[in-house]
């Protein structure tokens, strides 16, 4: 049997508190060899003290990797390291906490896009490692998206209200004059 990530979970936390936004995806391949499809995409806020935790379990691993590399690949082609150590974590780790806000503020030349991402995890063999029995197979089955909350702007300004009032008066006048001509 090949080594694989069995269960992958993404959850956002505010400070140390877990938020209700939670996505779980079983990544264990069935006897037919196909992973179940992801049902939905979770959206995570890039803001101060908003952390994203990715967690997983291993199955059929006989040769434990010395390290894991975790990265987020954006649909625009950019790749971002996930986690505190440029995406490289201990090979026995079963989760990583990512602070995208800290990444965003410390890398202004390559900011996170408001888009969909694919989480990629691989071991010592690299991202394109061939499948081998008992060795971790690279995984890229989880997709998620990030967004940056924008400041609220009201649509009801004095200018908008004035224009709407003038347009309403004009419609009433034109409609009324058409009715008066018919009499």
N, C-alpha and C. Protein backbone atom coordinates (compact mmCIF):
# COMPACT_ATOMS: atom_id res chain seq x y z
N UNK A 1 0.84 -1.18 0.00
CA UNK A 1 0.00 0.00 0.00
C UNK A 1 0.88 1.24 0.00
N UNK A 2 0.39 2.27 -0.63
CA UNK A 2 1.16 3.51 -0.68
C UNK A 2 0.86 4.35 0.56
N UNK A 3 1.82 5.19 0.97
CA UNK A 3 1.60 6.10 2.09
C UNK A 3 0.84 7.32 1.62
N UNK A 4 -0.12 7.75 2.42
CA UNK A 4 -0.91 8.89 2.00
C UNK A 4 -1.45 9.64 3.20
N UNK A 5 -1.86 10.88 2.94
CA UNK A 5 -2.56 11.67 3.94
C UNK A 5 -3.98 11.16 3.96
N UNK A 6 -4.48 10.83 5.12
CA UNK A 6 -5.80 10.21 5.21
C UNK A 6 -6.91 11.21 5.45
N UNK A 7 -6.67 12.25 6.20
CA UNK A 7 -7.73 13.17 6.59
C UNK A 7 -7.12 14.57 6.63
N UNK A 8 -7.73 15.51 5.95
CA UNK A 8 -7.20 16.86 5.91
C UNK A 8 -8.29 17.81 6.34
N UNK A 9 -7.95 18.74 7.21
CA UNK A 9 -8.93 19.67 7.76
C UNK A 9 -8.35 21.07 7.72
N UNK A 10 -9.18 22.05 7.42
CA UNK A 10 -8.79 23.45 7.45
C UNK A 10 -9.76 24.19 8.34
N UNK A 11 -9.23 25.00 9.26
CA UNK A 11 -10.10 25.71 10.19
C UNK A 11 -9.47 27.06 10.50
N UNK A 12 -10.28 28.10 10.59
CA UNK A 12 -9.76 29.43 10.90
C UNK A 12 -10.01 29.75 12.36
N UNK A 13 -9.02 30.39 12.98
CA UNK A 13 -9.12 30.77 14.37
C UNK A 13 -8.85 32.25 14.52
N UNK A 14 -9.57 32.87 15.43
CA UNK A 14 -9.33 34.26 15.78
C UNK A 14 -8.58 34.22 17.10
N UNK A 15 -7.31 34.68 17.10
CA UNK A 15 -6.48 34.54 18.29
C UNK A 15 -6.34 33.06 18.57
N UNK A 16 -6.76 32.61 19.73
CA UNK A 16 -6.72 31.19 20.06
C UNK A 16 -8.08 30.52 19.94
N UNK A 17 -9.11 31.27 19.53
CA UNK A 17 -10.47 30.74 19.47
C UNK A 17 -10.80 30.20 18.09
N UNK A 18 -11.32 29.01 18.04
CA UNK A 18 -11.69 28.40 16.78
C UNK A 18 -12.99 29.00 16.26
N UNK A 19 -13.04 29.34 14.98
CA UNK A 19 -14.24 29.88 14.36
C UNK A 19 -15.10 28.73 13.85
N UNK A 20 -16.34 29.05 13.50
CA UNK A 20 -17.26 28.03 13.03
C UNK A 20 -16.94 27.57 11.61
N UNK A 21 -16.10 28.30 10.90
CA UNK A 21 -15.78 27.93 9.52
C UNK A 21 -14.83 26.74 9.56
N UNK A 22 -15.27 25.62 9.10
CA UNK A 22 -14.52 24.39 9.22
C UNK A 22 -14.75 23.54 7.98
N UNK A 23 -13.70 23.00 7.45
CA UNK A 23 -13.85 22.12 6.29
C UNK A 23 -13.04 20.87 6.52
N UNK A 24 -13.65 19.75 6.33
CA UNK A 24 -12.97 18.47 6.44
C UNK A 24 -13.04 17.77 5.11
N UNK A 25 -11.97 17.10 4.75
CA UNK A 25 -11.94 16.38 3.48
C UNK A 25 -11.18 15.10 3.70
N UNK A 26 -11.82 13.98 3.50
CA UNK A 26 -11.13 12.70 3.59
C UNK A 26 -10.32 12.51 2.32
N UNK A 27 -9.07 12.18 2.50
CA UNK A 27 -8.19 12.04 1.34
C UNK A 27 -7.71 10.61 1.14
N UNK A 28 -8.22 9.71 1.93
CA UNK A 28 -7.82 8.32 1.77
C UNK A 28 -8.42 7.78 0.48
N UNK A 29 -7.62 7.11 -0.29
CA UNK A 29 -8.15 6.56 -1.53
C UNK A 29 -8.83 5.23 -1.26
N UNK A 30 -9.95 5.06 -1.89
CA UNK A 30 -10.70 3.83 -1.71
C UNK A 30 -10.08 2.71 -2.54
N UNK A 31 -10.69 1.55 -2.46
CA UNK A 31 -10.20 0.41 -3.23
C UNK A 31 -10.15 0.71 -4.71
N UNK A 32 -11.07 1.58 -5.19
CA UNK A 32 -11.09 1.87 -6.62
C UNK A 32 -9.98 2.84 -7.01
N UNK A 33 -9.30 3.45 -6.00
CA UNK A 33 -8.17 4.31 -6.30
C UNK A 33 -8.53 5.76 -6.53
N UNK A 34 -9.76 6.19 -6.23
CA UNK A 34 -10.09 7.59 -6.44
C UNK A 34 -10.47 8.25 -5.12
N UNK A 35 -9.97 9.45 -4.92
CA UNK A 35 -10.29 10.20 -3.70
C UNK A 35 -11.67 10.83 -3.86
N UNK A 36 -12.42 10.96 -2.77
CA UNK A 36 -13.73 11.60 -2.88
C UNK A 36 -13.56 13.07 -3.26
N UNK A 37 -14.46 13.61 -4.07
CA UNK A 37 -14.31 15.00 -4.49
C UNK A 37 -14.61 15.96 -3.35
N UNK A 38 -13.94 17.10 -3.37
CA UNK A 38 -14.20 18.14 -2.37
C UNK A 38 -15.56 18.75 -2.66
N UNK A 39 -16.39 18.90 -1.64
CA UNK A 39 -17.77 19.35 -1.83
C UNK A 39 -17.91 20.86 -1.88
N UNK A 40 -17.06 21.61 -1.18
CA UNK A 40 -17.17 23.06 -1.17
C UNK A 40 -15.81 23.68 -0.86
N UNK A 41 -15.73 24.98 -1.05
CA UNK A 41 -14.50 25.72 -0.79
C UNK A 41 -14.72 26.61 0.41
N UNK A 42 -13.82 26.55 1.39
CA UNK A 42 -13.88 27.44 2.55
C UNK A 42 -13.16 28.73 2.22
N UNK A 43 -13.70 29.83 2.72
CA UNK A 43 -13.11 31.15 2.54
C UNK A 43 -12.56 31.63 3.88
N UNK A 44 -11.29 32.06 3.88
CA UNK A 44 -10.63 32.49 5.10
C UNK A 44 -10.23 33.96 4.99
N UNK A 45 -10.44 34.67 6.08
CA UNK A 45 -10.15 36.10 6.14
C UNK A 45 -8.67 36.33 6.42
N UNK A 46 -8.03 37.19 5.65
CA UNK A 46 -6.65 37.59 5.90
C UNK A 46 -6.73 38.85 6.75
N UNK A 47 -6.58 38.67 8.06
CA UNK A 47 -6.68 39.78 9.00
C UNK A 47 -5.81 39.48 10.21
N UNK A 48 -5.51 40.51 10.97
CA UNK A 48 -4.68 40.36 12.16
C UNK A 48 -5.34 39.38 13.13
N UNK A 49 -4.54 38.49 13.68
CA UNK A 49 -4.99 37.47 14.63
C UNK A 49 -5.99 36.48 14.05
N UNK A 50 -5.99 36.28 12.75
CA UNK A 50 -6.82 35.27 12.09
C UNK A 50 -5.88 34.19 11.56
N UNK A 51 -5.86 33.05 12.23
CA UNK A 51 -4.97 31.96 11.86
C UNK A 51 -5.75 30.87 11.13
N UNK A 52 -5.07 30.17 10.24
CA UNK A 52 -5.67 29.01 9.56
C UNK A 52 -4.88 27.79 9.99
N UNK A 53 -5.61 26.78 10.48
CA UNK A 53 -4.97 25.53 10.89
C UNK A 53 -5.32 24.45 9.89
N UNK A 54 -4.30 23.83 9.33
CA UNK A 54 -4.47 22.68 8.44
C UNK A 54 -4.03 21.45 9.23
N UNK A 55 -4.86 20.41 9.25
CA UNK A 55 -4.52 19.20 9.98
C UNK A 55 -4.74 17.97 9.13
N UNK A 56 -4.03 16.88 9.43
CA UNK A 56 -4.13 15.66 8.64
C UNK A 56 -3.67 14.46 9.47
N UNK A 57 -3.96 13.29 8.98
CA UNK A 57 -3.48 12.02 9.53
C UNK A 57 -2.75 11.27 8.42
N UNK A 58 -1.86 10.39 8.80
CA UNK A 58 -1.15 9.55 7.84
C UNK A 58 -1.72 8.15 7.87
N UNK A 59 -1.63 7.45 6.75
CA UNK A 59 -1.96 6.02 6.74
C UNK A 59 -0.95 5.30 5.85
N UNK A 60 -0.59 4.12 6.26
CA UNK A 60 0.31 3.24 5.51
C UNK A 60 1.70 3.83 5.31
N UNK A 61 2.17 4.63 6.24
CA UNK A 61 3.52 5.20 6.15
C UNK A 61 4.48 4.27 6.89
N UNK A 62 5.42 3.70 6.17
CA UNK A 62 6.44 2.85 6.77
C UNK A 62 7.75 3.60 6.92
N UNK A 63 8.02 4.51 6.00
CA UNK A 63 9.24 5.33 6.04
C UNK A 63 8.82 6.77 6.36
N UNK A 64 8.90 7.14 7.64
CA UNK A 64 8.49 8.48 8.06
C UNK A 64 9.41 9.52 7.43
N UNK A 65 8.85 10.53 6.78
CA UNK A 65 9.69 11.57 6.20
C UNK A 65 10.39 12.39 7.29
N UNK A 66 11.57 12.92 6.98
CA UNK A 66 12.27 13.76 7.96
C UNK A 66 11.63 15.14 8.05
N UNK A 67 11.04 15.59 6.96
CA UNK A 67 10.34 16.87 6.97
C UNK A 67 9.19 16.85 5.98
N UNK A 68 8.25 17.75 6.18
CA UNK A 68 7.15 17.96 5.24
C UNK A 68 7.23 19.39 4.74
N UNK A 69 6.87 19.59 3.51
CA UNK A 69 6.79 20.94 2.95
C UNK A 69 5.33 21.21 2.63
N UNK A 70 4.84 22.34 3.12
CA UNK A 70 3.44 22.72 2.93
C UNK A 70 3.42 24.06 2.21
N UNK A 71 2.69 24.12 1.11
CA UNK A 71 2.59 25.38 0.37
C UNK A 71 1.19 25.57 -0.18
N UNK A 72 0.85 26.83 -0.41
CA UNK A 72 -0.43 27.19 -1.00
C UNK A 72 -0.16 27.70 -2.40
N UNK A 73 -0.73 27.03 -3.39
CA UNK A 73 -0.53 27.42 -4.79
C UNK A 73 -1.79 28.14 -5.26
N UNK A 74 -1.62 29.40 -5.63
CA UNK A 74 -2.74 30.23 -6.06
C UNK A 74 -3.11 29.91 -7.50
N UNK A 75 -4.37 30.16 -7.84
CA UNK A 75 -4.81 29.94 -9.21
C UNK A 75 -4.10 30.88 -10.19
N UNK A 76 -3.45 31.95 -9.68
CA UNK A 76 -2.69 32.85 -10.55
C UNK A 76 -1.27 32.36 -10.80
N UNK A 77 -0.91 31.21 -10.19
CA UNK A 77 0.41 30.62 -10.42
C UNK A 77 1.42 30.87 -9.32
N UNK A 78 1.18 31.81 -8.43
CA UNK A 78 2.12 32.09 -7.34
C UNK A 78 2.02 31.01 -6.27
N UNK A 79 3.16 30.70 -5.65
CA UNK A 79 3.23 29.71 -4.58
C UNK A 79 3.69 30.40 -3.31
N UNK A 80 3.01 30.11 -2.20
CA UNK A 80 3.29 30.74 -0.92
C UNK A 80 3.58 29.65 0.12
N UNK A 81 4.65 29.82 0.93
CA UNK A 81 4.92 28.84 1.99
C UNK A 81 3.86 28.94 3.08
N UNK A 82 3.46 27.80 3.63
CA UNK A 82 2.45 27.77 4.69
C UNK A 82 3.13 27.33 5.98
N UNK A 83 2.99 28.12 7.01
CA UNK A 83 3.53 27.77 8.31
C UNK A 83 4.63 28.73 8.74
N UNK A 84 5.12 28.52 9.94
CA UNK A 84 6.07 29.47 10.52
C UNK A 84 7.49 29.38 9.96
N UNK A 85 7.89 28.26 9.39
CA UNK A 85 9.27 28.06 8.94
C UNK A 85 9.34 27.91 7.43
N UNK A 86 8.83 28.88 6.70
CA UNK A 86 8.83 28.85 5.23
C UNK A 86 8.24 27.57 4.67
N UNK A 87 7.27 27.02 5.36
CA UNK A 87 6.55 25.86 4.86
C UNK A 87 7.20 24.52 5.14
N UNK A 88 8.36 24.50 5.80
CA UNK A 88 9.04 23.24 6.10
C UNK A 88 8.81 22.93 7.58
N UNK A 89 8.19 21.76 7.84
CA UNK A 89 7.90 21.36 9.21
C UNK A 89 8.40 19.94 9.45
N UNK A 90 8.36 19.50 10.69
CA UNK A 90 8.82 18.16 11.06
C UNK A 90 8.01 17.09 10.32
N UNK A 91 8.65 16.01 9.96
CA UNK A 91 8.02 14.96 9.18
C UNK A 91 6.93 14.19 9.90
N UNK A 92 6.85 14.31 11.22
CA UNK A 92 5.80 13.61 11.96
C UNK A 92 4.65 14.55 12.31
N UNK A 93 4.73 15.80 11.91
CA UNK A 93 3.68 16.78 12.24
C UNK A 93 2.36 16.38 11.60
N UNK A 94 1.27 16.62 12.31
CA UNK A 94 -0.06 16.33 11.78
C UNK A 94 -0.90 17.59 11.65
N UNK A 95 -0.27 18.74 11.81
CA UNK A 95 -0.97 20.00 11.57
C UNK A 95 0.05 21.13 11.44
N UNK A 96 -0.41 22.22 10.85
CA UNK A 96 0.40 23.43 10.76
C UNK A 96 -0.55 24.62 10.89
N UNK A 97 -0.10 25.63 11.62
CA UNK A 97 -0.89 26.85 11.79
C UNK A 97 -0.24 27.92 10.93
N UNK A 98 -1.07 28.55 10.10
CA UNK A 98 -0.59 29.59 9.17
C UNK A 98 -1.24 30.91 9.53
N UNK A 99 -0.43 31.95 9.59
CA UNK A 99 -0.92 33.29 9.81
C UNK A 99 -0.76 34.07 8.51
N UNK A 100 -1.76 34.06 7.65
CA UNK A 100 -1.61 34.72 6.35
C UNK A 100 -1.43 36.24 6.47
N UNK A 101 -1.93 36.84 7.54
CA UNK A 101 -1.78 38.30 7.72
C UNK A 101 -0.30 38.64 7.94
N UNK A 102 0.37 37.85 8.77
CA UNK A 102 1.80 38.08 9.00
C UNK A 102 2.58 37.89 7.70
N UNK A 103 2.23 36.86 6.93
CA UNK A 103 2.88 36.67 5.64
C UNK A 103 2.64 37.88 4.74
N UNK A 104 1.40 38.32 4.69
CA UNK A 104 1.01 39.44 3.82
C UNK A 104 1.81 40.71 4.16
N UNK A 105 1.91 41.02 5.45
CA UNK A 105 2.59 42.24 5.85
C UNK A 105 4.11 42.15 5.73
N UNK A 106 4.67 40.94 5.83
CA UNK A 106 6.12 40.81 5.72
C UNK A 106 6.60 40.55 4.29
N UNK A 107 5.69 40.36 3.35
CA UNK A 107 6.04 40.13 1.94
C UNK A 107 5.21 41.05 1.03
N UNK A 108 5.41 42.35 1.12
CA UNK A 108 4.59 43.27 0.31
C UNK A 108 4.80 43.14 -1.20
N UNK A 109 5.94 42.56 -1.61
CA UNK A 109 6.20 42.40 -3.05
C UNK A 109 5.47 41.20 -3.66
N UNK A 110 5.00 40.27 -2.82
CA UNK A 110 4.26 39.11 -3.30
C UNK A 110 3.05 38.89 -2.37
N UNK A 111 2.08 39.81 -2.43
CA UNK A 111 0.93 39.69 -1.53
C UNK A 111 0.02 38.53 -1.94
N UNK A 112 -0.74 38.05 -0.98
CA UNK A 112 -1.72 37.00 -1.24
C UNK A 112 -2.84 37.58 -2.09
N UNK A 113 -3.20 36.90 -3.12
CA UNK A 113 -4.31 37.33 -3.97
C UNK A 113 -5.62 36.88 -3.35
N UNK A 114 -6.68 37.61 -3.59
CA UNK A 114 -8.00 37.19 -3.15
C UNK A 114 -8.50 36.22 -4.21
N UNK A 115 -8.21 34.94 -3.97
CA UNK A 115 -8.45 33.92 -4.99
C UNK A 115 -8.52 32.54 -4.34
N UNK A 116 -8.63 31.53 -5.19
CA UNK A 116 -8.66 30.14 -4.74
C UNK A 116 -7.23 29.59 -4.73
N UNK A 117 -6.94 28.74 -3.73
CA UNK A 117 -5.63 28.14 -3.55
C UNK A 117 -5.77 26.63 -3.44
N UNK A 118 -4.69 25.93 -3.77
CA UNK A 118 -4.59 24.50 -3.56
C UNK A 118 -3.49 24.26 -2.55
N UNK A 119 -3.81 23.54 -1.48
CA UNK A 119 -2.81 23.21 -0.47
C UNK A 119 -2.02 22.01 -0.96
N UNK A 120 -0.70 22.13 -0.98
CA UNK A 120 0.16 21.03 -1.42
C UNK A 120 1.07 20.64 -0.27
N UNK A 121 1.13 19.33 -0.02
CA UNK A 121 1.97 18.78 1.05
C UNK A 121 2.79 17.64 0.46
N UNK A 122 4.09 17.65 0.74
CA UNK A 122 4.95 16.56 0.28
C UNK A 122 6.07 16.33 1.28
N UNK A 123 6.68 15.17 1.17
CA UNK A 123 7.77 14.78 2.07
C UNK A 123 9.12 14.90 1.40
N UNK A 124 10.04 14.06 1.84
CA UNK A 124 11.43 14.12 1.37
C UNK A 124 11.57 13.92 -0.14
N UNK A 125 10.63 13.21 -0.76
CA UNK A 125 10.72 12.92 -2.19
C UNK A 125 10.39 14.10 -3.10
N UNK A 126 9.86 15.19 -2.53
CA UNK A 126 9.53 16.36 -3.34
C UNK A 126 8.09 16.34 -3.83
N UNK A 127 7.67 17.42 -4.48
CA UNK A 127 6.28 17.54 -4.91
C UNK A 127 5.88 16.61 -6.05
N UNK A 128 6.85 16.09 -6.77
CA UNK A 128 6.54 15.22 -7.90
C UNK A 128 7.01 13.78 -7.68
N UNK A 129 7.13 13.40 -6.41
CA UNK A 129 7.64 12.06 -6.09
C UNK A 129 6.71 10.98 -6.65
N UNK A 130 7.31 9.92 -7.15
CA UNK A 130 6.54 8.78 -7.66
C UNK A 130 5.94 8.01 -6.48
N UNK A 131 4.82 7.37 -6.73
CA UNK A 131 4.18 6.57 -5.68
C UNK A 131 5.02 5.34 -5.38
N UNK A 132 5.29 5.15 -4.09
CA UNK A 132 6.03 3.98 -3.63
C UNK A 132 5.31 3.42 -2.41
N UNK A 133 5.32 2.12 -2.24
CA UNK A 133 4.70 1.53 -1.05
C UNK A 133 5.38 2.03 0.22
N UNK A 134 4.57 2.47 1.20
CA UNK A 134 5.08 2.87 2.50
C UNK A 134 5.72 4.24 2.56
N UNK A 135 5.76 4.97 1.44
CA UNK A 135 6.37 6.29 1.40
C UNK A 135 5.28 7.32 1.13
N UNK A 136 5.37 8.47 1.78
CA UNK A 136 4.35 9.50 1.64
C UNK A 136 4.19 9.93 0.19
N UNK A 137 2.95 9.90 -0.27
CA UNK A 137 2.61 10.38 -1.61
C UNK A 137 2.23 11.85 -1.50
N UNK A 138 2.78 12.73 -2.35
CA UNK A 138 2.40 14.14 -2.30
C UNK A 138 0.88 14.31 -2.43
N UNK A 139 0.35 15.31 -1.77
CA UNK A 139 -1.10 15.52 -1.76
C UNK A 139 -1.43 16.95 -2.13
N UNK A 140 -2.44 17.11 -2.99
CA UNK A 140 -2.92 18.44 -3.37
C UNK A 140 -4.44 18.42 -3.55
N UNK A 141 -5.12 17.76 -2.62
CA UNK A 141 -6.57 17.56 -2.77
C UNK A 141 -7.41 18.65 -2.13
N UNK A 142 -6.84 19.49 -1.26
CA UNK A 142 -7.64 20.50 -0.57
C UNK A 142 -7.53 21.85 -1.26
N UNK A 143 -8.69 22.45 -1.52
CA UNK A 143 -8.73 23.81 -2.06
C UNK A 143 -9.41 24.71 -1.06
N UNK A 144 -8.95 25.96 -1.00
CA UNK A 144 -9.53 26.95 -0.11
C UNK A 144 -9.34 28.31 -0.78
N UNK A 145 -9.94 29.33 -0.22
CA UNK A 145 -9.81 30.68 -0.77
C UNK A 145 -9.56 31.66 0.37
N UNK A 146 -8.89 32.76 0.06
CA UNK A 146 -8.67 33.82 1.05
C UNK A 146 -9.23 35.12 0.52
N UNK A 147 -9.62 35.97 1.44
CA UNK A 147 -10.12 37.30 1.09
C UNK A 147 -9.65 38.29 2.14
N UNK A 148 -9.64 39.55 1.77
CA UNK A 148 -9.32 40.63 2.69
C UNK A 148 -10.58 41.46 2.85
N UNK A 149 -11.02 41.58 4.09
CA UNK A 149 -12.25 42.31 4.35
C UNK A 149 -12.05 43.79 4.03
N UNK A 150 -12.98 44.35 3.31
CA UNK A 150 -12.92 45.76 2.91
C UNK A 150 -13.74 46.60 3.88
N UNK A 151 -13.37 47.86 4.00
CA UNK A 151 -14.11 48.78 4.86
C UNK A 151 -15.51 49.00 4.28
N UNK A 152 -16.48 49.14 5.15
CA UNK A 152 -17.85 49.34 4.73
C UNK A 152 -18.02 50.75 4.17
N UNK A 153 -18.64 50.84 3.02
CA UNK A 153 -18.98 52.15 2.45
C UNK A 153 -20.47 52.18 2.19
N UNK A 154 -21.10 53.23 2.66
CA UNK A 154 -22.54 53.32 2.50
C UNK A 154 -22.89 53.75 1.08
N UNK A 155 -23.98 53.22 0.58
CA UNK A 155 -24.42 53.56 -0.78
C UNK A 155 -25.37 54.75 -0.75
N UNK A 156 -25.82 55.15 0.42
CA UNK A 156 -26.79 56.23 0.54
C UNK A 156 -26.10 57.54 0.93
N UNK A 157 -25.43 58.14 0.00
CA UNK A 157 -24.82 59.43 0.25
C UNK A 157 -25.79 60.52 -0.19
N UNK A 158 -25.50 61.75 0.21
CA UNK A 158 -26.38 62.87 -0.15
C UNK A 158 -26.47 63.02 -1.66
N UNK A 159 -25.37 62.82 -2.35
CA UNK A 159 -25.37 62.96 -3.80
C UNK A 159 -26.27 61.91 -4.46
N UNK A 160 -26.15 60.66 -4.02
CA UNK A 160 -26.97 59.59 -4.58
C UNK A 160 -28.45 59.86 -4.34
N UNK A 161 -28.79 60.32 -3.15
CA UNK A 161 -30.18 60.62 -2.82
C UNK A 161 -30.71 61.76 -3.67
N UNK A 162 -29.91 62.80 -3.87
CA UNK A 162 -30.33 63.95 -4.68
C UNK A 162 -30.59 63.53 -6.12
N UNK A 163 -29.70 62.74 -6.70
CA UNK A 163 -29.86 62.28 -8.08
C UNK A 163 -31.12 61.41 -8.20
N UNK A 164 -31.36 60.55 -7.24
CA UNK A 164 -32.55 59.70 -7.27
C UNK A 164 -33.81 60.54 -7.17
N UNK A 165 -33.81 61.57 -6.36
CA UNK A 165 -34.97 62.45 -6.22
C UNK A 165 -35.25 63.20 -7.52
N UNK A 166 -34.23 63.74 -8.15
CA UNK A 166 -34.39 64.46 -9.43
C UNK A 166 -34.93 63.50 -10.50
N UNK A 167 -34.39 62.30 -10.56
CA UNK A 167 -34.85 61.32 -11.55
C UNK A 167 -36.31 60.96 -11.31
N UNK A 168 -36.71 60.81 -10.07
CA UNK A 168 -38.11 60.49 -9.75
C UNK A 168 -39.05 61.62 -10.17
N UNK A 169 -38.68 62.87 -9.89
CA UNK A 169 -39.50 64.03 -10.28
C UNK A 169 -39.62 64.10 -11.79
N UNK A 170 -38.52 63.83 -12.51
CA UNK A 170 -38.55 63.88 -13.97
C UNK A 170 -39.50 62.80 -14.52
N UNK A 171 -39.46 61.60 -13.96
CA UNK A 171 -40.34 60.52 -14.42
C UNK A 171 -41.79 60.89 -14.16
N UNK A 172 -42.09 61.43 -12.98
CA UNK A 172 -43.45 61.83 -12.66
C UNK A 172 -43.93 62.92 -13.62
N UNK A 173 -43.08 63.91 -13.89
CA UNK A 173 -43.46 65.01 -14.79
C UNK A 173 -43.72 64.50 -16.20
N UNK A 174 -42.82 63.66 -16.73
CA UNK A 174 -42.97 63.15 -18.10
C UNK A 174 -44.21 62.25 -18.18
N UNK A 175 -44.42 61.40 -17.20
CA UNK A 175 -45.60 60.53 -17.20
C UNK A 175 -46.89 61.34 -17.08
N UNK A 176 -46.87 62.36 -16.22
CA UNK A 176 -48.06 63.20 -16.04
C UNK A 176 -48.39 63.99 -17.28
N UNK A 177 -47.37 64.51 -17.96
CA UNK A 177 -47.64 65.30 -19.16
C UNK A 177 -48.19 64.41 -20.28
N UNK A 178 -47.74 63.17 -20.35
CA UNK A 178 -48.27 62.25 -21.36
C UNK A 178 -49.73 61.93 -21.09
N UNK A 179 -50.10 61.79 -19.84
CA UNK A 179 -51.50 61.52 -19.48
C UNK A 179 -52.39 62.73 -19.77
N UNK A 180 -51.89 63.94 -19.51
CA UNK A 180 -52.66 65.15 -19.75
C UNK A 180 -52.91 65.38 -21.25
N UNK A 181 -51.99 64.96 -22.09
CA UNK A 181 -52.16 65.13 -23.53
C UNK A 181 -53.26 64.22 -24.07
N UNK A 182 -53.52 63.12 -23.43
CA UNK A 182 -54.54 62.19 -23.88
C UNK A 182 -55.94 62.69 -23.57
N UNK A 183 -56.07 63.56 -22.67
CA UNK A 183 -57.41 64.05 -22.27
C UNK A 183 -57.96 65.02 -23.26
